[in-house]
Amino acid sequence: MSSDVVIRAEGLVKIYRTDAVETLALRGVDLSIHKGEFTAVAGPSGSGKSTLLHLLGGLDRPTSGEVFLEGKALSKLHPEELARLRLERIGFVFQAHNLIPVLTVLENVTFALELRGVPARERERRAREVLAELGIEKYAQQFPHRLSGGEQQRVAVARAVVGDPAVVLADEPTASLDGENSRALIDLMRRLNETRGTTFFFATHDARLLDRVKRLLILEDGRIVSERVQA
């Protein structure tokens, strides 16, 4: 495997079973995500985008196939090892923010660093640095409910990148935002990609995002059917 491949998926198949009904969500997906990429996978609802993202992030296991993160096969890891790998090497951004309401913005961003054992002074320095990069350091002592949807999603991005993960996986990050906030959020993430070298992989059907990514994959009926590289 090339040394710059962060995530590699081989033959991913995912079948969901409910009573006697089987739903084939992914049909043998092969994919490599390289260090420093700014990539989106797009497709209609039900095409398997979120399923793919969850498998790549170790949040779910494939029915068959394998995901490798920095060369490590996720299926071979014990649950505790997988949880530690997610904590240290993967940043997540979800549609619904998933901020902890009883923690301030600063505490939300430093929480994962605290779990990793980073000293208090260092985690606050790193958090304030990324909050400043995203233009929201002034909200550091506010609670999430005092912020707009766009500001909360910036906090979610700050939380995802503060630990310098190998990759940030973002599932429909602009779905709850209006056009102006969507464009602002994506432009901020692209700037983090260019200045920090953060690797981003999005699942989206938002056309406002698609012209801003550098690599675009199209997923239909559980298969990647096309790919293009763009400026």
C-alpha atoms as a PDB file:
ATOM      1  CA  MET A   1       0.000   0.000   0.000  1.00  0.00           C
ATOM      2  CA  SER A   2       1.241   3.483  -0.885  1.00  0.00           C
ATOM      3  CA  SER A   3       2.543   5.333   2.159  1.00  0.00           C
ATOM      4  CA  ASP A   4       0.198   8.270   1.496  1.00  0.00           C
ATOM      5  CA  VAL A   5      -2.982   6.142   1.571  1.00  0.00           C
ATOM      6  CA  VAL A   6      -4.897   6.983   4.752  1.00  0.00           C
ATOM      7  CA  ILE A   7      -7.909   4.715   4.221  1.00  0.00           C
ATOM      8  CA  ARG A   8      -8.305   1.806   1.834  1.00  0.00           C
ATOM      9  CA  ALA A   9     -11.540  -0.099   1.332  1.00  0.00           C
ATOM     10  CA  GLU A  10     -11.526  -3.462  -0.411  1.00  0.00           C
ATOM     11  CA  GLY A  11     -14.687  -5.149  -1.661  1.00  0.00           C
ATOM     12  CA  LEU A  12     -17.031  -3.574   0.888  1.00  0.00           C
ATOM     13  CA  VAL A  13     -20.414  -5.242   1.004  1.00  0.00           C
ATOM     14  CA  LYS A  14     -23.059  -4.269   3.553  1.00  0.00           C
ATOM     15  CA  ILE A  15     -26.365  -6.078   3.953  1.00  0.00           C
ATOM     16  CA  TYR A  16     -28.956  -4.916   6.456  1.00  0.00           C
ATOM     17  CA  ARG A  17     -31.356  -7.606   7.650  1.00  0.00           C
ATOM     18  CA  THR A  18     -34.740  -6.882   9.232  1.00  0.00           C
ATOM     19  CA  ASP A  19     -36.871  -9.941   9.930  1.00  0.00           C
ATOM     20  CA  ALA A  20     -37.065 -11.660   6.544  1.00  0.00           C
ATOM     21  CA  VAL A  21     -36.055  -8.572   4.532  1.00  0.00           C
ATOM     22  CA  GLU A  22     -32.515  -8.013   3.253  1.00  0.00           C
ATOM     23  CA  THR A  23     -31.307  -4.644   1.967  1.00  0.00           C
ATOM     24  CA  LEU A  24     -28.054  -4.551   0.034  1.00  0.00           C
ATOM     25  CA  ALA A  25     -26.588  -1.129   0.857  1.00  0.00           C
ATOM     26  CA  LEU A  26     -23.075  -1.554  -0.598  1.00  0.00           C
ATOM     27  CA  ARG A  27     -22.132  -3.891  -3.428  1.00  0.00           C
ATOM     28  CA  GLY A  28     -18.376  -4.349  -3.415  1.00  0.00           C
ATOM     29  CA  VAL A  29     -16.854  -0.870  -3.000  1.00  0.00           C
ATOM     30  CA  ASP A  30     -13.116  -0.392  -3.576  1.00  0.00           C
ATOM     31  CA  LEU A  31     -11.678   2.968  -2.558  1.00  0.00           C
ATOM     32  CA  SER A  32      -8.443   4.656  -1.514  1.00  0.00           C
ATOM     33  CA  ILE A  33      -8.288   8.011   0.269  1.00  0.00           C
ATOM     34  CA  HIS A  34      -4.899   9.681   0.126  1.00  0.00           C
ATOM     35  CA  LYS A  35      -3.273  12.037   2.614  1.00  0.00           C
ATOM     36  CA  GLY A  36      -4.302  15.650   2.042  1.00  0.00           C
ATOM     37  CA  GLU A  37      -7.297  14.909  -0.183  1.00  0.00           C
ATOM     38  CA  PHE A  38     -10.537  16.908  -0.085  1.00  0.00           C
ATOM     39  CA  THR A  39     -13.006  14.361  -1.415  1.00  0.00           C
ATOM     40  CA  ALA A  40     -16.766  13.901  -1.526  1.00  0.00           C
ATOM     41  CA  VAL A  41     -18.914  10.909  -2.325  1.00  0.00           C
ATOM     42  CA  ALA A  42     -22.274  11.983  -3.718  1.00  0.00           C
ATOM     43  CA  GLY A  43     -25.410  10.226  -4.800  1.00  0.00           C
ATOM     44  CA  PRO A  44     -29.161  10.108  -4.228  1.00  0.00           C
ATOM     45  CA  SER A  45     -30.740   9.196  -0.902  1.00  0.00           C
ATOM     46  CA  GLY A  46     -30.427   5.474  -0.323  1.00  0.00           C
ATOM     47  CA  SER A  47     -27.342   5.095  -2.507  1.00  0.00           C
ATOM     48  CA  GLY A  48     -25.187   3.979   0.449  1.00  0.00           C
ATOM     49  CA  LYS A  49     -23.233   7.163   1.225  1.00  0.00           C
ATOM     50  CA  SER A  50     -23.757   7.191   4.991  1.00  0.00           C
ATOM     51  CA  THR A  51     -23.234   3.432   5.175  1.00  0.00           C
ATOM     52  CA  LEU A  52     -19.891   3.823   3.415  1.00  0.00           C
ATOM     53  CA  LEU A  53     -18.842   6.617   5.773  1.00  0.00           C
ATOM     54  CA  HIS A  54     -19.791   4.579   8.850  1.00  0.00           C
ATOM     55  CA  LEU A  55     -17.777   1.599   7.622  1.00  0.00           C
ATOM     56  CA  LEU A  56     -14.735   3.750   6.830  1.00  0.00           C
ATOM     57  CA  GLY A  57     -14.906   5.262  10.315  1.00  0.00           C
ATOM     58  CA  GLY A  58     -15.254   1.936  12.102  1.00  0.00           C
ATOM     59  CA  LEU A  59     -18.718   2.855  13.395  1.00  0.00           C
ATOM     60  CA  ASP A  60     -20.132  -0.263  11.727  1.00  0.00           C
ATOM     61  CA  ARG A  61     -18.673  -3.444  10.261  1.00  0.00           C
ATOM     62  CA  PRO A  62     -19.066  -4.626   6.667  1.00  0.00           C
ATOM     63  CA  THR A  63     -20.852  -7.850   5.848  1.00  0.00           C
ATOM     64  CA  SER A  64     -17.776  -8.676   3.791  1.00  0.00           C
ATOM     65  CA  GLY A  65     -14.688  -6.829   2.645  1.00  0.00           C
ATOM     66  CA  GLU A  66     -12.189  -4.859   4.709  1.00  0.00           C
ATOM     67  CA  VAL A  67     -11.292  -1.311   5.703  1.00  0.00           C
ATOM     68  CA  PHE A  68      -7.667  -0.401   6.390  1.00  0.00           C
ATOM     69  CA  LEU A  69      -6.819   2.777   8.314  1.00  0.00           C
ATOM     70  CA  GLU A  70      -3.137   3.653   7.952  1.00  0.00           C
ATOM     71  CA  GLY A  71      -2.548   0.004   7.077  1.00  0.00           C
ATOM     72  CA  LYS A  72      -4.462  -1.460  10.024  1.00  0.00           C
ATOM     73  CA  ALA A  73      -7.356  -3.799   9.205  1.00  0.00           C
ATOM     74  CA  LEU A  74     -10.292  -2.572  11.301  1.00  0.00           C
ATOM     75  CA  SER A  75     -11.926  -6.002  11.513  1.00  0.00           C
ATOM     76  CA  LYS A  76      -8.811  -7.388  13.205  1.00  0.00           C
ATOM     77  CA  LEU A  77      -8.928  -4.916  16.083  1.00  0.00           C
ATOM     78  CA  HIS A  78     -10.502  -5.609  19.463  1.00  0.00           C
ATOM     79  CA  PRO A  79     -13.337  -3.182  20.355  1.00  0.00           C
ATOM     80  CA  GLU A  80     -11.084  -1.261  22.749  1.00  0.00           C
ATOM     81  CA  GLU A  81      -8.369  -0.920  20.093  1.00  0.00           C
ATOM     82  CA  LEU A  82     -10.910   0.232  17.528  1.00  0.00           C
ATOM     83  CA  ALA A  83     -12.353   2.804  19.923  1.00  0.00           C
ATOM     84  CA  ARG A  84      -8.862   4.136  20.631  1.00  0.00           C
ATOM     85  CA  LEU A  85      -8.061   4.303  16.929  1.00  0.00           C
ATOM     86  CA  ARG A  86     -11.237   6.277  16.243  1.00  0.00           C
ATOM     87  CA  LEU A  87     -10.464   8.620  19.130  1.00  0.00           C
ATOM     88  CA  GLU A  88      -6.912   9.333  18.008  1.00  0.00           C
ATOM     89  CA  ARG A  89      -6.946   9.041  14.205  1.00  0.00           C
ATOM     90  CA  ILE A  90     -10.448   9.895  12.944  1.00  0.00           C
ATOM     91  CA  GLY A  91     -12.412  13.129  13.247  1.00  0.00           C
ATOM     92  CA  PHE A  92     -16.173  13.019  12.727  1.00  0.00           C
ATOM     93  CA  VAL A  93     -18.585  15.757  11.652  1.00  0.00           C
ATOM     94  CA  PHE A  94     -22.282  14.870  11.574  1.00  0.00           C
ATOM     95  CA  GLN A  95     -25.353  16.641  10.248  1.00  0.00           C
ATOM     96  CA  ALA A  96     -26.770  17.140  13.749  1.00  0.00           C
ATOM     97  CA  HIS A  97     -23.604  18.678  15.321  1.00  0.00           C
ATOM     98  CA  ASN A  98     -23.708  16.214  18.271  1.00  0.00           C
ATOM     99  CA  LEU A  99     -22.228  18.778  20.639  1.00  0.00           C
ATOM    100  CA  ILE A 100     -22.503  18.122  24.375  1.00  0.00           C
ATOM    101  CA  PRO A 101     -25.048  20.711  25.608  1.00  0.00           C
ATOM    102  CA  VAL A 102     -23.745  20.982  29.185  1.00  0.00           C
ATOM    103  CA  LEU A 103     -20.196  21.784  28.031  1.00  0.00           C
ATOM    104  CA  THR A 104     -18.971  25.128  26.717  1.00  0.00           C
ATOM    105  CA  VAL A 105     -17.635  25.460  23.183  1.00  0.00           C
ATOM    106  CA  LEU A 106     -14.078  25.238  24.495  1.00  0.00           C
ATOM    107  CA  GLU A 107     -14.907  22.168  26.592  1.00  0.00           C
ATOM    108  CA  ASN A 108     -16.588  20.471  23.624  1.00  0.00           C
ATOM    109  CA  VAL A 109     -13.494  20.992  21.481  1.00  0.00           C
ATOM    110  CA  THR A 110     -11.053  19.850  24.173  1.00  0.00           C
ATOM    111  CA  PHE A 111     -13.101  16.839  25.305  1.00  0.00           C
ATOM    112  CA  ALA A 112     -11.507  14.271  22.981  1.00  0.00           C
ATOM    113  CA  LEU A 113      -8.040  15.617  23.809  1.00  0.00           C
ATOM    114  CA  GLU A 114      -8.837  15.149  27.493  1.00  0.00           C
ATOM    115  CA  LEU A 115      -9.824  11.525  26.814  1.00  0.00           C
ATOM    116  CA  ARG A 116      -6.470  11.072  25.091  1.00  0.00           C
ATOM    117  CA  GLY A 117      -4.626  12.354  28.147  1.00  0.00           C
ATOM    118  CA  VAL A 118      -3.381  15.633  26.658  1.00  0.00           C
ATOM    119  CA  PRO A 119      -2.401  18.047  29.473  1.00  0.00           C
ATOM    120  CA  ALA A 120      -4.927  20.808  30.208  1.00  0.00           C
ATOM    121  CA  ARG A 121      -2.743  23.732  29.106  1.00  0.00           C
ATOM    122  CA  GLU A 122      -1.838  22.041  25.828  1.00  0.00           C
ATOM    123  CA  ARG A 123      -5.392  21.031  24.955  1.00  0.00           C
ATOM    124  CA  GLU A 124      -6.678  24.554  25.636  1.00  0.00           C
ATOM    125  CA  ARG A 125      -3.923  26.048  23.470  1.00  0.00           C
ATOM    126  CA  ARG A 126      -4.731  23.717  20.592  1.00  0.00           C
ATOM    127  CA  ALA A 127      -8.472  24.283  20.921  1.00  0.00           C
ATOM    128  CA  ARG A 128      -8.202  28.058  20.984  1.00  0.00           C
ATOM    129  CA  GLU A 129      -5.906  27.944  17.966  1.00  0.00           C
ATOM    130  CA  VAL A 130      -8.391  26.040  15.825  1.00  0.00           C
ATOM    131  CA  LEU A 131     -11.349  28.074  17.118  1.00  0.00           C
ATOM    132  CA  ALA A 132      -9.486  31.193  16.000  1.00  0.00           C
ATOM    133  CA  GLU A 133      -8.842  29.637  12.575  1.00  0.00           C
ATOM    134  CA  LEU A 134     -12.579  29.044  12.237  1.00  0.00           C
ATOM    135  CA  GLY A 135     -13.493  32.523  13.443  1.00  0.00           C
ATOM    136  CA  ILE A 136     -15.349  31.432  16.586  1.00  0.00           C
ATOM    137  CA  GLU A 137     -12.849  31.871  19.426  1.00  0.00           C
ATOM    138  CA  LYS A 138     -15.083  34.612  20.858  1.00  0.00           C
ATOM    139  CA  TYR A 139     -17.665  31.906  21.639  1.00  0.00           C
ATOM    140  CA  ALA A 140     -15.232  29.738  23.628  1.00  0.00           C
ATOM    141  CA  GLN A 141     -17.122  30.154  26.927  1.00  0.00           C
ATOM    142  CA  GLN A 142     -20.613  29.999  25.427  1.00  0.00           C
ATOM    143  CA  PHE A 143     -22.837  26.933  25.535  1.00  0.00           C
ATOM    144  CA  PRO A 144     -23.893  25.402  22.201  1.00  0.00           C
ATOM    145  CA  HIS A 145     -27.565  26.449  22.448  1.00  0.00           C
ATOM    146  CA  ARG A 146     -26.499  30.099  22.365  1.00  0.00           C
ATOM    147  CA  LEU A 147     -24.955  29.667  18.890  1.00  0.00           C
ATOM    148  CA  SER A 148     -26.551  29.569  15.460  1.00  0.00           C
ATOM    149  CA  GLY A 149     -26.643  26.344  13.447  1.00  0.00           C
ATOM    150  CA  GLY A 150     -23.715  27.470  11.318  1.00  0.00           C
ATOM    151  CA  GLU A 151     -21.664  28.393  14.373  1.00  0.00           C
ATOM    152  CA  GLN A 152     -22.432  25.061  16.040  1.00  0.00           C
ATOM    153  CA  GLN A 153     -21.276  23.227  12.937  1.00  0.00           C
ATOM    154  CA  ARG A 154     -18.010  25.195  13.008  1.00  0.00           C
ATOM    155  CA  VAL A 155     -17.536  24.006  16.594  1.00  0.00           C
ATOM    156  CA  ALA A 156     -18.116  20.438  15.369  1.00  0.00           C
ATOM    157  CA  VAL A 157     -15.426  20.948  12.718  1.00  0.00           C
ATOM    158  CA  ALA A 158     -13.047  22.393  15.324  1.00  0.00           C
ATOM    159  CA  ARG A 159     -13.630  19.340  17.533  1.00  0.00           C
ATOM    160  CA  ALA A 160     -12.952  17.046  14.568  1.00  0.00           C
ATOM    161  CA  VAL A 161      -9.639  18.615  13.529  1.00  0.00           C
ATOM    162  CA  VAL A 162      -8.140  19.675  16.874  1.00  0.00           C
ATOM    163  CA  GLY A 163      -6.482  16.309  17.453  1.00  0.00           C
ATOM    164  CA  ASP A 164      -4.735  16.307  14.040  1.00  0.00           C
ATOM    165  CA  PRO A 165      -6.533  13.149  12.860  1.00  0.00           C
ATOM    166  CA  ALA A 166      -5.473  11.097   9.866  1.00  0.00           C
ATOM    167  CA  VAL A 167      -8.840  11.875   8.267  1.00  0.00           C
ATOM    168  CA  VAL A 168     -12.028  13.810   8.973  1.00  0.00           C
ATOM    169  CA  LEU A 169     -15.212  12.000   7.912  1.00  0.00           C
ATOM    170  CA  ALA A 170     -18.168  14.345   7.424  1.00  0.00           C
ATOM    171  CA  ASP A 171     -21.689  12.965   6.914  1.00  0.00           C
ATOM    172  CA  GLU A 172     -23.970  15.534   5.233  1.00  0.00           C
ATOM    173  CA  PRO A 173     -22.302  18.389   7.167  1.00  0.00           C
ATOM    174  CA  THR A 174     -24.289  21.131   5.370  1.00  0.00           C
ATOM    175  CA  ALA A 175     -27.707  19.458   5.322  1.00  0.00           C
ATOM    176  CA  SER A 176     -29.158  21.615   8.115  1.00  0.00           C
ATOM    177  CA  LEU A 177     -27.582  24.882   6.907  1.00  0.00           C
ATOM    178  CA  ASP A 178     -28.780  27.548   4.500  1.00  0.00           C
ATOM    179  CA  GLY A 179     -26.839  28.380   1.341  1.00  0.00           C
ATOM    180  CA  GLU A 180     -24.655  31.110   2.809  1.00  0.00           C
ATOM    181  CA  ASN A 181     -23.664  29.075   5.866  1.00  0.00           C
ATOM    182  CA  SER A 182     -23.098  25.963   3.744  1.00  0.00           C
ATOM    183  CA  ARG A 183     -20.668  27.751   1.452  1.00  0.00           C
ATOM    184  CA  ALA A 184     -18.906  29.398   4.402  1.00  0.00           C
ATOM    185  CA  LEU A 185     -18.492  26.071   6.204  1.00  0.00           C
ATOM    186  CA  ILE A 186     -17.120  24.263   3.166  1.00  0.00           C
ATOM    187  CA  ASP A 187     -14.737  27.119   2.393  1.00  0.00           C
ATOM    188  CA  LEU A 188     -13.468  26.984   5.983  1.00  0.00           C
ATOM    189  CA  MET A 189     -12.903  23.241   5.755  1.00  0.00           C
ATOM    190  CA  ARG A 190     -11.124  23.639   2.439  1.00  0.00           C
ATOM    191  CA  ARG A 191      -8.884  26.254   4.043  1.00  0.00           C
ATOM    192  CA  LEU A 192      -8.065  23.810   6.866  1.00  0.00           C
ATOM    193  CA  ASN A 193      -7.287  21.240   4.182  1.00  0.00           C
ATOM    194  CA  GLU A 194      -4.872  23.625   2.495  1.00  0.00           C
ATOM    195  CA  THR A 195      -3.243  25.173   5.575  1.00  0.00           C
ATOM    196  CA  ARG A 196      -3.176  22.182   7.935  1.00  0.00           C
ATOM    197  CA  GLY A 197      -3.113  19.432   5.323  1.00  0.00           C
ATOM    198  CA  THR A 198      -6.179  17.861   6.954  1.00  0.00           C
ATOM    199  CA  THR A 199      -7.669  15.031   4.893  1.00  0.00           C
ATOM    200  CA  PHE A 200     -11.446  15.364   4.447  1.00  0.00           C
ATOM    201  CA  PHE A 201     -13.934  12.828   3.107  1.00  0.00           C
ATOM    202  CA  PHE A 202     -17.576  13.910   2.809  1.00  0.00           C
ATOM    203  CA  ALA A 203     -20.806  12.060   2.170  1.00  0.00           C
ATOM    204  CA  THR A 204     -23.289  14.484   0.646  1.00  0.00           C
ATOM    205  CA  HIS A 205     -25.956  15.148  -1.921  1.00  0.00           C
ATOM    206  CA  ASP A 206     -25.582  18.922  -1.506  1.00  0.00           C
ATOM    207  CA  ALA A 207     -24.787  20.487  -4.885  1.00  0.00           C
ATOM    208  CA  ARG A 208     -23.407  23.541  -3.075  1.00  0.00           C
ATOM    209  CA  LEU A 209     -20.552  21.401  -1.768  1.00  0.00           C
ATOM    210  CA  LEU A 210     -19.760  19.435  -4.908  1.00  0.00           C
ATOM    211  CA  ASP A 211     -18.083  22.230  -6.856  1.00  0.00           C
ATOM    212  CA  ARG A 212     -15.756  22.957  -3.918  1.00  0.00           C
ATOM    213  CA  VAL A 213     -14.231  19.499  -3.445  1.00  0.00           C
ATOM    214  CA  LYS A 214     -11.089  18.418  -5.268  1.00  0.00           C
ATOM    215  CA  ARG A 215     -12.173  14.829  -5.941  1.00  0.00           C
ATOM    216  CA  LEU A 216     -15.744  13.700  -6.501  1.00  0.00           C
ATOM    217  CA  LEU A 217     -17.039  10.123  -6.395  1.00  0.00           C
ATOM    218  CA  ILE A 218     -20.564   9.203  -7.470  1.00  0.00           C
ATOM    219  CA  LEU A 219     -22.281   6.348  -5.655  1.00  0.00           C
ATOM    220  CA  GLU A 220     -25.395   4.725  -7.083  1.00  0.00           C
ATOM    221  CA  ASP A 221     -27.134   1.600  -5.806  1.00  0.00           C
ATOM    222  CA  GLY A 222     -24.198   0.774  -3.551  1.00  0.00           C
ATOM    223  CA  ARG A 223     -21.508   1.068  -6.240  1.00  0.00           C
ATOM    224  CA  ILE A 224     -19.064   3.823  -7.182  1.00  0.00           C
ATOM    225  CA  VAL A 225     -20.022   4.495 -10.797  1.00  0.00           C
ATOM    226  CA  SER A 226     -17.800   7.475 -11.638  1.00  0.00           C
ATOM    227  CA  GLU A 227     -14.998   9.653 -10.337  1.00  0.00           C
ATOM    228  CA  ARG A 228     -13.553  12.987 -11.340  1.00  0.00           C
ATOM    229  CA  VAL A 229     -10.801  15.280 -10.128  1.00  0.00           C
ATOM    230  CA  GLN A 230     -11.510  18.998 -10.156  1.00  0.00           C
ATOM    231  CA  ALA A 231      -9.729  22.205  -9.227  1.00  0.00           C
END
